Amino acid sequence: MSKTLLAALLLGLSLSLHAASTLEQFHFDKQQQTDDFRELLGQMRCLVCQNESLAASNADLAQDLREELYEQVASGKNKQDVIDFMVARYGDFVLYKPPLRPSTYLIWFGPILLLLIGAVILYRILRKQTSMKASTLTEAEKQRAEALLKSTESGTPAS
């Protein structure tokens, strides 16, 4: 096994162990609270990393958010109350699946809209290319073209 591959495996293992140990620092009295906490960590994104859940992120802000979630769950709040609190404080961006409302329409429908716009543009370009017909030359244009071809073959400039 190459040293690079071994180093990558060890790094990945240490990061996953670090993430697991980070989550193990939170202890609850009830198993339901532990389950709710872990589920919430998976449903919320790190505001710094943006593409990592709070459970997976090693950012300092993610640690602060985990502690905030812990305090909320440990105080006896249910999942929806905790979600409402986090959204009120940090906005819909904290959720991996933001709710469907006018302020999030662009997030939900933006990719589809861009795809449709691209399809319309592509359709128009292809339609324009196929509708372009080869124009027919007049007799004078044909004679001029033949004269140009002959002059380039013979090496003398055409008049």
Protein backbone atom coordinates (compact mmCIF):
# COMPACT_ATOMS: atom_id res chain seq x y z
CA MET A 1 0.00 0.00 0.00
CA SER A 2 1.40 3.38 -0.93
CA LYS A 3 2.27 5.90 1.75
CA THR A 4 -0.17 8.45 0.30
CA LEU A 5 -3.07 6.02 0.42
CA LEU A 6 -2.18 4.95 3.94
CA ALA A 7 -1.96 8.58 5.06
CA ALA A 8 -5.35 9.34 3.49
CA LEU A 9 -6.94 6.35 5.23
CA LEU A 10 -5.48 7.33 8.58
CA LEU A 11 -6.65 10.92 8.15
CA GLY A 12 -10.16 9.79 7.26
CA LEU A 13 -10.27 7.43 10.22
CA SER A 14 -9.04 10.09 12.63
CA LEU A 15 -11.60 12.63 11.34
CA SER A 16 -14.46 10.15 11.70
CA LEU A 17 -13.29 9.24 15.22
CA HIS A 18 -13.06 12.94 16.06
CA ALA A 19 -16.61 13.52 14.84
CA ALA A 20 -17.85 10.53 16.84
CA SER A 21 -16.05 11.67 19.98
CA THR A 22 -17.46 15.18 19.48
CA LEU A 23 -21.01 13.82 19.54
CA GLU A 24 -20.31 11.55 22.50
CA GLN A 25 -19.58 14.54 24.72
CA PHE A 26 -23.32 15.24 24.90
CA HIS A 27 -25.20 13.11 27.44
CA PHE A 28 -28.96 13.07 27.99
CA ASP A 29 -31.17 11.61 30.69
CA LYS A 30 -33.55 10.00 28.21
CA GLN A 31 -32.87 7.95 25.10
CA GLN A 32 -35.55 9.94 23.24
CA GLN A 33 -33.57 13.14 23.80
CA THR A 34 -30.43 11.49 22.43
CA ASP A 35 -32.34 10.31 19.36
CA ASP A 36 -33.89 13.75 18.83
CA PHE A 37 -30.50 15.42 19.22
CA ARG A 38 -28.83 13.16 16.65
CA GLU A 39 -31.72 13.60 14.21
CA LEU A 40 -31.57 17.39 14.56
CA LEU A 41 -27.82 17.37 13.99
CA GLY A 42 -28.43 15.58 10.69
CA GLN A 43 -31.22 17.95 9.63
CA MET A 44 -29.23 21.13 10.16
CA ARG A 45 -26.29 22.41 8.19
CA CYS A 46 -23.14 24.10 9.37
CA LEU A 47 -23.40 27.77 8.48
CA VAL A 48 -19.65 27.93 7.77
CA CYS A 49 -19.17 24.69 5.83
CA GLN A 50 -22.58 24.94 4.13
CA ASN A 51 -22.49 21.42 2.74
CA GLU A 52 -21.90 19.56 5.98
CA SER A 53 -24.35 18.73 8.69
CA LEU A 54 -23.76 19.95 12.21
CA ALA A 55 -22.85 16.38 13.11
CA ALA A 56 -20.07 16.18 10.51
CA SER A 57 -18.61 19.68 10.70
CA ASN A 58 -15.48 20.47 12.69
CA ALA A 59 -15.92 24.25 12.46
CA ASP A 60 -15.99 26.24 15.68
CA LEU A 61 -19.42 27.63 14.81
CA ALA A 62 -20.74 24.10 14.32
CA GLN A 63 -19.52 23.22 17.81
CA ASP A 64 -21.33 26.27 19.18
CA LEU A 65 -24.50 25.29 17.33
CA ARG A 66 -24.24 21.72 18.64
CA GLU A 67 -23.99 23.08 22.18
CA GLU A 68 -26.98 25.32 21.56
CA LEU A 69 -28.96 22.35 20.24
CA TYR A 70 -27.88 20.32 23.26
CA GLU A 71 -29.13 22.98 25.67
CA GLN A 72 -32.46 23.20 23.83
CA VAL A 73 -33.02 19.43 23.79
CA ALA A 74 -31.73 18.94 27.35
CA SER A 75 -34.17 21.59 28.59
CA GLY A 76 -37.02 19.40 27.36
CA LYS A 77 -38.01 21.18 24.15
CA ASN A 78 -39.38 18.99 21.39
CA LYS A 79 -37.81 18.77 17.92
CA GLN A 80 -40.16 21.27 16.30
CA ASP A 81 -39.56 23.85 19.03
CA VAL A 82 -35.81 23.47 18.56
CA ILE A 83 -36.13 23.79 14.78
CA ASP A 84 -38.31 26.88 15.17
CA PHE A 85 -35.74 28.42 17.54
CA MET A 86 -32.82 27.72 15.18
CA VAL A 87 -34.69 29.04 12.12
CA ALA A 88 -35.77 32.17 14.00
CA ARG A 89 -32.17 32.79 15.02
CA TYR A 90 -30.26 31.74 11.88
CA GLY A 91 -32.84 31.70 9.08
CA ASP A 92 -34.00 28.92 6.77
CA PHE A 93 -30.44 28.43 5.58
CA VAL A 94 -29.66 26.42 8.71
CA LEU A 95 -31.98 23.66 7.44
CA TYR A 96 -30.92 21.15 4.79
CA LYS A 97 -34.51 21.12 3.52
CA PRO A 98 -35.88 24.65 3.82
CA PRO A 99 -39.68 24.95 3.84
CA LEU A 100 -41.55 25.85 0.68
CA ARG A 101 -42.57 29.50 1.03
CA PRO A 102 -42.24 32.61 -1.14
CA SER A 103 -38.85 33.49 0.33
CA THR A 104 -37.45 30.07 -0.66
CA TYR A 105 -39.05 29.69 -4.10
CA LEU A 106 -35.75 30.53 -5.78
CA ILE A 107 -33.97 27.77 -3.85
CA TRP A 108 -36.61 25.20 -4.76
CA PHE A 109 -37.48 26.21 -8.32
CA GLY A 110 -34.34 28.06 -9.46
CA PRO A 111 -32.57 25.00 -10.89
CA ILE A 112 -35.67 23.92 -12.82
CA LEU A 113 -36.14 27.46 -14.13
CA LEU A 114 -32.52 27.64 -15.30
CA LEU A 115 -32.87 24.25 -17.00
CA LEU A 116 -36.01 25.39 -18.83
CA ILE A 117 -34.37 28.65 -19.94
CA GLY A 118 -31.38 26.68 -21.24
CA ALA A 119 -33.68 24.27 -23.11
CA VAL A 120 -35.56 27.16 -24.76
CA ILE A 121 -32.29 28.83 -25.82
CA LEU A 122 -30.94 25.55 -27.19
CA TYR A 123 -34.20 24.91 -29.07
CA ARG A 124 -34.10 28.36 -30.65
CA ILE A 125 -30.47 28.00 -31.69
CA LEU A 126 -31.07 24.59 -33.25
CA ARG A 127 -34.25 25.76 -34.96
CA LYS A 128 -32.48 28.80 -36.37
CA GLN A 129 -29.64 26.64 -37.73
CA THR A 130 -31.96 24.19 -39.45
CA SER A 131 -34.16 26.92 -40.88
CA MET A 132 -31.24 28.72 -42.48
CA LYS A 133 -31.34 27.76 -46.14
CA ALA A 134 -28.49 27.96 -48.56
CA SER A 135 -29.11 31.05 -50.65
CA THR A 136 -29.10 30.59 -54.40
CA LEU A 137 -26.62 32.63 -56.38
CA THR A 138 -27.54 34.83 -59.28
CA GLU A 139 -25.90 34.15 -62.62
CA ALA A 140 -23.55 37.14 -62.17
CA GLU A 141 -22.48 35.86 -58.71
CA LYS A 142 -21.80 32.40 -60.12
CA GLN A 143 -19.59 33.87 -62.87
CA ARG A 144 -17.72 36.02 -60.34
CA ALA A 145 -17.13 32.98 -58.10
CA GLU A 146 -15.84 30.92 -61.01
CA ALA A 147 -13.52 33.76 -62.01
CA LEU A 148 -12.16 33.93 -58.45
CA LEU A 149 -11.58 30.19 -58.38
CA LYS A 150 -9.77 30.24 -61.74
CA SER A 151 -7.61 33.15 -60.68
CA THR A 152 -6.50 31.41 -57.49
CA GLU A 153 -5.69 28.25 -59.43
CA SER A 154 -3.64 30.14 -61.98
CA GLY A 155 -2.10 32.51 -59.43
CA THR A 156 -3.26 35.72 -61.09
CA PRO A 157 -5.52 38.14 -59.23
CA ALA A 158 -9.11 38.42 -60.42
CA SER A 159 -10.54 41.77 -61.40
